[in-house]
Amino acid sequence: MDIRKIIREELKIVLGDTTISINVGDEILGGKFKNKKVKVKEIGTNEKGEVTINGTALLRFRIPKED
């Protein structure tokens, strides 16, 4: 069995499913310092299987705190 497949399966068990409540039309923070408001136009995936927002990886954004 491929070691990468084993590691992926183990990570799925440890991390579980993570849900993030971001919808089209929401405003999140992006940019170099993650301080500029960006409106979500599309949510998808790239060739690596990562979640993308407006064509950029999800981890390049920050979700603002609710007041």
PDB file of N, CA and C in Angstrom:
ATOM      1  N   MET A   1       0.847  -1.181   0.000  1.00  0.00           N
ATOM      2  CA  MET A   1       0.000   0.000   0.000  1.00  0.00           C
ATOM      3  C   MET A   1       0.893   1.245   0.000  1.00  0.00           C
ATOM      4  N   ASP A   2       0.469   2.254  -0.688  1.00  0.00           N
ATOM      5  CA  ASP A   2       1.226   3.502  -0.795  1.00  0.00           C
ATOM      6  C   ASP A   2       1.201   4.255   0.535  1.00  0.00           C
ATOM      7  N   ILE A   3       2.351   4.724   0.983  1.00  0.00           N
ATOM      8  CA  ILE A   3       2.460   5.419   2.268  1.00  0.00           C
ATOM      9  C   ILE A   3       1.634   6.705   2.287  1.00  0.00           C
ATOM     10  N   ARG A   4       1.527   7.392   1.150  1.00  0.00           N
ATOM     11  CA  ARG A   4       0.740   8.627   1.094  1.00  0.00           C
ATOM     12  C   ARG A   4      -0.733   8.353   1.348  1.00  0.00           C
ATOM     13  N   LYS A   5      -1.214   7.235   0.810  1.00  0.00           N
ATOM     14  CA  LYS A   5      -2.609   6.867   1.001  1.00  0.00           C
ATOM     15  C   LYS A   5      -2.878   6.546   2.469  1.00  0.00           C
ATOM     16  N   ILE A   6      -1.951   5.881   3.111  1.00  0.00           N
ATOM     17  CA  ILE A   6      -2.094   5.548   4.524  1.00  0.00           C
ATOM     18  C   ILE A   6      -2.126   6.829   5.361  1.00  0.00           C
ATOM     19  N   ILE A   7      -1.229   7.760   5.055  1.00  0.00           N
ATOM     20  CA  ILE A   7      -1.172   9.019   5.807  1.00  0.00           C
ATOM     21  C   ILE A   7      -2.461   9.808   5.623  1.00  0.00           C
ATOM     22  N   ARG A   8      -2.986   9.877   4.401  1.00  0.00           N
ATOM     23  CA  ARG A   8      -4.239  10.590   4.147  1.00  0.00           C
ATOM     24  C   ARG A   8      -5.389   9.991   4.950  1.00  0.00           C
ATOM     25  N   GLU A   9      -5.459   8.661   4.978  1.00  0.00           N
ATOM     26  CA  GLU A   9      -6.525   7.998   5.716  1.00  0.00           C
ATOM     27  C   GLU A   9      -6.409   8.272   7.217  1.00  0.00           C
ATOM     28  N   GLU A  10      -5.190   8.254   7.734  1.00  0.00           N
ATOM     29  CA  GLU A  10      -4.980   8.533   9.155  1.00  0.00           C
ATOM     30  C   GLU A  10      -5.335   9.976   9.498  1.00  0.00           C
ATOM     31  N   LEU A  11      -4.982  10.915   8.606  1.00  0.00           N
ATOM     32  CA  LEU A  11      -5.328  12.313   8.840  1.00  0.00           C
ATOM     33  C   LEU A  11      -6.837  12.523   8.826  1.00  0.00           C
ATOM     34  N   LYS A  12      -7.548  11.830   7.959  1.00  0.00           N
ATOM     35  CA  LYS A  12      -9.001  11.945   7.920  1.00  0.00           C
ATOM     36  C   LYS A  12      -9.605  11.476   9.234  1.00  0.00           C
ATOM     37  N   ILE A  13      -9.032  10.423   9.808  1.00  0.00           N
ATOM     38  CA  ILE A  13      -9.536   9.912  11.077  1.00  0.00           C
ATOM     39  C   ILE A  13      -9.269  10.919  12.190  1.00  0.00           C
ATOM     40  N   VAL A  14      -8.062  11.470  12.212  1.00  0.00           N
ATOM     41  CA  VAL A  14      -7.674  12.398  13.287  1.00  0.00           C
ATOM     42  C   VAL A  14      -8.408  13.724  13.163  1.00  0.00           C
ATOM     43  N   LEU A  15      -8.416  14.309  11.966  1.00  0.00           N
ATOM     44  CA  LEU A  15      -8.995  15.632  11.776  1.00  0.00           C
ATOM     45  C   LEU A  15     -10.505  15.603  11.597  1.00  0.00           C
ATOM     46  N   GLY A  16     -11.022  14.556  11.008  1.00  0.00           N
ATOM     47  CA  GLY A  16     -12.445  14.495  10.740  1.00  0.00           C
ATOM     48  C   GLY A  16     -12.831  15.475   9.652  1.00  0.00           C
ATOM     49  N   ASP A  17     -14.103  15.696   9.497  1.00  0.00           N
ATOM     50  CA  ASP A  17     -14.597  16.661   8.518  1.00  0.00           C
ATOM     51  C   ASP A  17     -14.704  18.023   9.175  1.00  0.00           C
ATOM     52  N   THR A  18     -14.154  19.013   8.522  1.00  0.00           N
ATOM     53  CA  THR A  18     -14.220  20.376   9.013  1.00  0.00           C
ATOM     54  C   THR A  18     -15.172  21.156   8.124  1.00  0.00           C
ATOM     55  N   THR A  19     -16.097  21.855   8.732  1.00  0.00           N
ATOM     56  CA  THR A  19     -17.034  22.647   7.946  1.00  0.00           C
ATOM     57  C   THR A  19     -16.809  24.127   8.239  1.00  0.00           C
ATOM     58  N   ILE A  20     -16.857  24.921   7.199  1.00  0.00           N
ATOM     59  CA  ILE A  20     -16.709  26.361   7.306  1.00  0.00           C
ATOM     60  C   ILE A  20     -17.927  26.976   6.630  1.00  0.00           C
ATOM     61  N   SER A  21     -18.592  27.868   7.338  1.00  0.00           N
ATOM     62  CA  SER A  21     -19.821  28.449   6.791  1.00  0.00           C
ATOM     63  C   SER A  21     -19.510  29.718   6.007  1.00  0.00           C
ATOM     64  N   ILE A  22     -19.062  29.537   4.778  1.00  0.00           N
ATOM     65  CA  ILE A  22     -18.827  30.647   3.853  1.00  0.00           C
ATOM     66  C   ILE A  22     -19.719  30.404   2.646  1.00  0.00           C
ATOM     67  N   ASN A  23     -20.468  31.415   2.282  1.00  0.00           N
ATOM     68  CA  ASN A  23     -21.361  31.314   1.134  1.00  0.00           C
ATOM     69  C   ASN A  23     -21.020  32.396   0.122  1.00  0.00           C
ATOM     70  N   VAL A  24     -21.481  32.206  -1.100  1.00  0.00           N
ATOM     71  CA  VAL A  24     -21.301  33.210  -2.141  1.00  0.00           C
ATOM     72  C   VAL A  24     -22.013  34.482  -1.694  1.00  0.00           C
ATOM     73  N   GLY A  25     -21.322  35.603  -1.799  1.00  0.00           N
ATOM     74  CA  GLY A  25     -21.873  36.884  -1.385  1.00  0.00           C
ATOM     75  C   GLY A  25     -21.343  37.355  -0.045  1.00  0.00           C
ATOM     76  N   ASP A  26     -20.726  36.459   0.736  1.00  0.00           N
ATOM     77  CA  ASP A  26     -20.147  36.849   2.028  1.00  0.00           C
ATOM     78  C   ASP A  26     -18.890  37.678   1.815  1.00  0.00           C
ATOM     79  N   GLU A  27     -18.533  38.449   2.831  1.00  0.00           N
ATOM     80  CA  GLU A  27     -17.289  39.215   2.793  1.00  0.00           C
ATOM     81  C   GLU A  27     -16.299  38.594   3.763  1.00  0.00           C
ATOM     82  N   ILE A  28     -15.098  38.310   3.262  1.00  0.00           N
ATOM     83  CA  ILE A  28     -14.023  37.773   4.079  1.00  0.00           C
ATOM     84  C   ILE A  28     -12.817  38.693   3.917  1.00  0.00           C
ATOM     85  N   LEU A  29     -11.774  38.445   4.686  1.00  0.00           N
ATOM     86  CA  LEU A  29     -10.602  39.310   4.634  1.00  0.00           C
ATOM     87  C   LEU A  29      -9.485  38.644   3.851  1.00  0.00           C
ATOM     88  N   GLY A  30      -8.886  39.382   2.914  1.00  0.00           N
ATOM     89  CA  GLY A  30      -7.812  38.848   2.080  1.00  0.00           C
ATOM     90  C   GLY A  30      -6.733  39.889   1.877  1.00  0.00           C
ATOM     91  N   GLY A  31      -5.811  39.595   0.989  1.00  0.00           N
ATOM     92  CA  GLY A  31      -4.703  40.504   0.730  1.00  0.00           C
ATOM     93  C   GLY A  31      -3.465  40.078   1.487  1.00  0.00           C
ATOM     94  N   LYS A  32      -2.392  40.824   1.331  1.00  0.00           N
ATOM     95  CA  LYS A  32      -1.108  40.472   1.939  1.00  0.00           C
ATOM     96  C   LYS A  32      -1.201  40.365   3.453  1.00  0.00           C
ATOM     97  N   PHE A  33      -1.891  41.309   4.085  1.00  0.00           N
ATOM     98  CA  PHE A  33      -2.000  41.306   5.536  1.00  0.00           C
ATOM     99  C   PHE A  33      -3.366  40.825   6.008  1.00  0.00           C
ATOM    100  N   LYS A  34      -4.166  40.294   5.086  1.00  0.00           N
ATOM    101  CA  LYS A  34      -5.505  39.780   5.377  1.00  0.00           C
ATOM    102  C   LYS A  34      -6.368  40.815   6.092  1.00  0.00           C
ATOM    103  N   ASN A  35      -6.361  42.037   5.568  1.00  0.00           N
ATOM    104  CA  ASN A  35      -7.136  43.113   6.170  1.00  0.00           C
ATOM    105  C   ASN A  35      -8.058  43.818   5.171  1.00  0.00           C
ATOM    106  N   LYS A  36      -8.108  43.341   3.931  1.00  0.00           N
ATOM    107  CA  LYS A  36      -8.966  43.956   2.924  1.00  0.00           C
ATOM    108  C   LYS A  36     -10.198  43.081   2.711  1.00  0.00           C
ATOM    109  N   LYS A  37     -11.339  43.719   2.631  1.00  0.00           N
ATOM    110  CA  LYS A  37     -12.577  42.972   2.435  1.00  0.00           C
ATOM    111  C   LYS A  37     -12.654  42.463   0.997  1.00  0.00           C
ATOM    112  N   VAL A  38     -12.987  41.181   0.869  1.00  0.00           N
ATOM    113  CA  VAL A  38     -13.130  40.536  -0.426  1.00  0.00           C
ATOM    114  C   VAL A  38     -14.488  39.862  -0.455  1.00  0.00           C
ATOM    115  N   LYS A  39     -15.260  40.108  -1.511  1.00  0.00           N
ATOM    116  CA  LYS A  39     -16.564  39.473  -1.647  1.00  0.00           C
ATOM    117  C   LYS A  39     -16.396  38.124  -2.340  1.00  0.00           C
ATOM    118  N   VAL A  40     -17.008  37.083  -1.791  1.00  0.00           N
ATOM    119  CA  VAL A  40     -16.917  35.739  -2.356  1.00  0.00           C
ATOM    120  C   VAL A  40     -17.799  35.668  -3.595  1.00  0.00           C
ATOM    121  N   LYS A  41     -17.184  35.378  -4.736  1.00  0.00           N
ATOM    122  CA  LYS A  41     -17.915  35.271  -5.995  1.00  0.00           C
ATOM    123  C   LYS A  41     -18.105  33.809  -6.403  1.00  0.00           C
ATOM    124  N   GLU A  42     -17.098  32.971  -6.090  1.00  0.00           N
ATOM    125  CA  GLU A  42     -17.204  31.552  -6.423  1.00  0.00           C
ATOM    126  C   GLU A  42     -16.381  30.722  -5.441  1.00  0.00           C
ATOM    127  N   ILE A  43     -16.841  29.510  -5.197  1.00  0.00           N
ATOM    128  CA  ILE A  43     -16.148  28.557  -4.342  1.00  0.00           C
ATOM    129  C   ILE A  43     -15.939  27.301  -5.167  1.00  0.00           C
ATOM    130  N   GLY A  44     -14.706  26.794  -5.174  1.00  0.00           N
ATOM    131  CA  GLY A  44     -14.400  25.612  -5.969  1.00  0.00           C
ATOM    132  C   GLY A  44     -13.196  24.876  -5.423  1.00  0.00           C
ATOM    133  N   THR A  45     -12.580  24.062  -6.277  1.00  0.00           N
ATOM    134  CA  THR A  45     -11.370  23.339  -5.914  1.00  0.00           C
ATOM    135  C   THR A  45     -10.355  23.490  -7.031  1.00  0.00           C
ATOM    136  N   ASN A  46      -9.081  23.322  -6.686  1.00  0.00           N
ATOM    137  CA  ASN A  46      -8.041  23.375  -7.707  1.00  0.00           C
ATOM    138  C   ASN A  46      -7.567  21.965  -8.029  1.00  0.00           C
ATOM    139  N   GLU A  47      -6.521  21.843  -8.840  1.00  0.00           N
ATOM    140  CA  GLU A  47      -6.058  20.525  -9.286  1.00  0.00           C
ATOM    141  C   GLU A  47      -5.493  19.683  -8.147  1.00  0.00           C
ATOM    142  N   LYS A  48      -5.109  20.315  -7.047  1.00  0.00           N
ATOM    143  CA  LYS A  48      -4.588  19.592  -5.877  1.00  0.00           C
ATOM    144  C   LYS A  48      -5.704  19.117  -4.955  1.00  0.00           C
ATOM    145  N   GLY A  49      -6.923  19.573  -5.201  1.00  0.00           N
ATOM    146  CA  GLY A  49      -8.048  19.203  -4.362  1.00  0.00           C
ATOM    147  C   GLY A  49      -8.285  20.169  -3.218  1.00  0.00           C
ATOM    148  N   GLU A  50      -7.572  21.300  -3.199  1.00  0.00           N
ATOM    149  CA  GLU A  50      -7.753  22.301  -2.159  1.00  0.00           C
ATOM    150  C   GLU A  50      -8.987  23.142  -2.463  1.00  0.00           C
ATOM    151  N   VAL A  51      -9.641  23.599  -1.425  1.00  0.00           N
ATOM    152  CA  VAL A  51     -10.789  24.484  -1.589  1.00  0.00           C
ATOM    153  C   VAL A  51     -10.286  25.864  -1.978  1.00  0.00           C
ATOM    154  N   THR A  52     -10.929  26.475  -2.960  1.00  0.00           N
ATOM    155  CA  THR A  52     -10.538  27.808  -3.407  1.00  0.00           C
ATOM    156  C   THR A  52     -11.718  28.770  -3.321  1.00  0.00           C
ATOM    157  N   ILE A  53     -11.392  30.028  -3.080  1.00  0.00           N
ATOM    158  CA  ILE A  53     -12.380  31.099  -3.104  1.00  0.00           C
ATOM    159  C   ILE A  53     -11.901  32.103  -4.137  1.00  0.00           C
ATOM    160  N   ASN A  54     -12.722  32.363  -5.130  1.00  0.00           N
ATOM    161  CA  ASN A  54     -12.376  33.266  -6.237  1.00  0.00           C
ATOM    162  C   ASN A  54     -11.065  32.837  -6.903  1.00  0.00           C
ATOM    163  N   GLY A  55     -10.772  31.552  -6.944  1.00  0.00           N
ATOM    164  CA  GLY A  55      -9.578  31.029  -7.592  1.00  0.00           C
ATOM    165  C   GLY A  55      -8.329  31.037  -6.726  1.00  0.00           C
ATOM    166  N   THR A  56      -8.429  31.464  -5.471  1.00  0.00           N
ATOM    167  CA  THR A  56      -7.295  31.515  -4.551  1.00  0.00           C
ATOM    168  C   THR A  56      -7.541  30.525  -3.409  1.00  0.00           C
ATOM    169  N   ALA A  57      -6.477  29.889  -2.932  1.00  0.00           N
ATOM    170  CA  ALA A  57      -6.606  28.885  -1.880  1.00  0.00           C
ATOM    171  C   ALA A  57      -7.293  29.463  -0.640  1.00  0.00           C
ATOM    172  N   LEU A  58      -8.070  28.638   0.022  1.00  0.00           N
ATOM    173  CA  LEU A  58      -8.846  29.048   1.185  1.00  0.00           C
ATOM    174  C   LEU A  58      -7.970  29.590   2.299  1.00  0.00           C
ATOM    175  N   LEU A  59      -6.781  29.037   2.471  1.00  0.00           N
ATOM    176  CA  LEU A  59      -5.916  29.450   3.566  1.00  0.00           C
ATOM    177  C   LEU A  59      -5.289  30.828   3.359  1.00  0.00           C
ATOM    178  N   ARG A  60      -5.535  31.453   2.247  1.00  0.00           N
ATOM    179  CA  ARG A  60      -5.044  32.814   1.987  1.00  0.00           C
ATOM    180  C   ARG A  60      -6.039  33.867   2.465  1.00  0.00           C
ATOM    181  N   PHE A  61      -7.104  33.444   3.123  1.00  0.00           N
ATOM    182  CA  PHE A  61      -8.137  34.352   3.602  1.00  0.00           C
ATOM    183  C   PHE A  61      -8.336  34.193   5.099  1.00  0.00           C
ATOM    184  N   ARG A  62      -9.027  35.159   5.678  1.00  0.00           N
ATOM    185  CA  ARG A  62      -9.367  35.107   7.084  1.00  0.00           C
ATOM    186  C   ARG A  62     -10.843  35.427   7.217  1.00  0.00           C
ATOM    187  N   ILE A  63     -11.516  34.730   8.106  1.00  0.00           N
ATOM    188  CA  ILE A  63     -12.933  34.975   8.347  1.00  0.00           C
ATOM    189  C   ILE A  63     -13.039  35.998   9.471  1.00  0.00           C
ATOM    190  N   PRO A  64     -13.710  37.127   9.233  1.00  0.00           N
ATOM    191  CA  PRO A  64     -13.819  38.157  10.282  1.00  0.00           C
ATOM    192  C   PRO A  64     -14.661  37.670  11.447  1.00  0.00           C
ATOM    193  N   LYS A  65     -14.369  38.192  12.633  1.00  0.00           N
ATOM    194  CA  LYS A  65     -15.135  37.836  13.830  1.00  0.00           C
ATOM    195  C   LYS A  65     -16.505  38.475  13.758  1.00  0.00           C
ATOM    196  N   GLU A  66     -17.491  37.772  14.297  1.00  0.00           N
ATOM    197  CA  GLU A  66     -18.842  38.303  14.379  1.00  0.00           C
ATOM    198  C   GLU A  66     -18.928  39.235  15.581  1.00  0.00           C
ATOM    199  N   ASP A  67     -19.525  40.402  15.407  1.00  0.00           N
ATOM    200  CA  ASP A  67     -19.653  41.354  16.522  1.00  0.00           C
ATOM    201  C   ASP A  67     -20.928  41.130  17.271  1.00  0.00           C
TER     202      ASP A  67
END
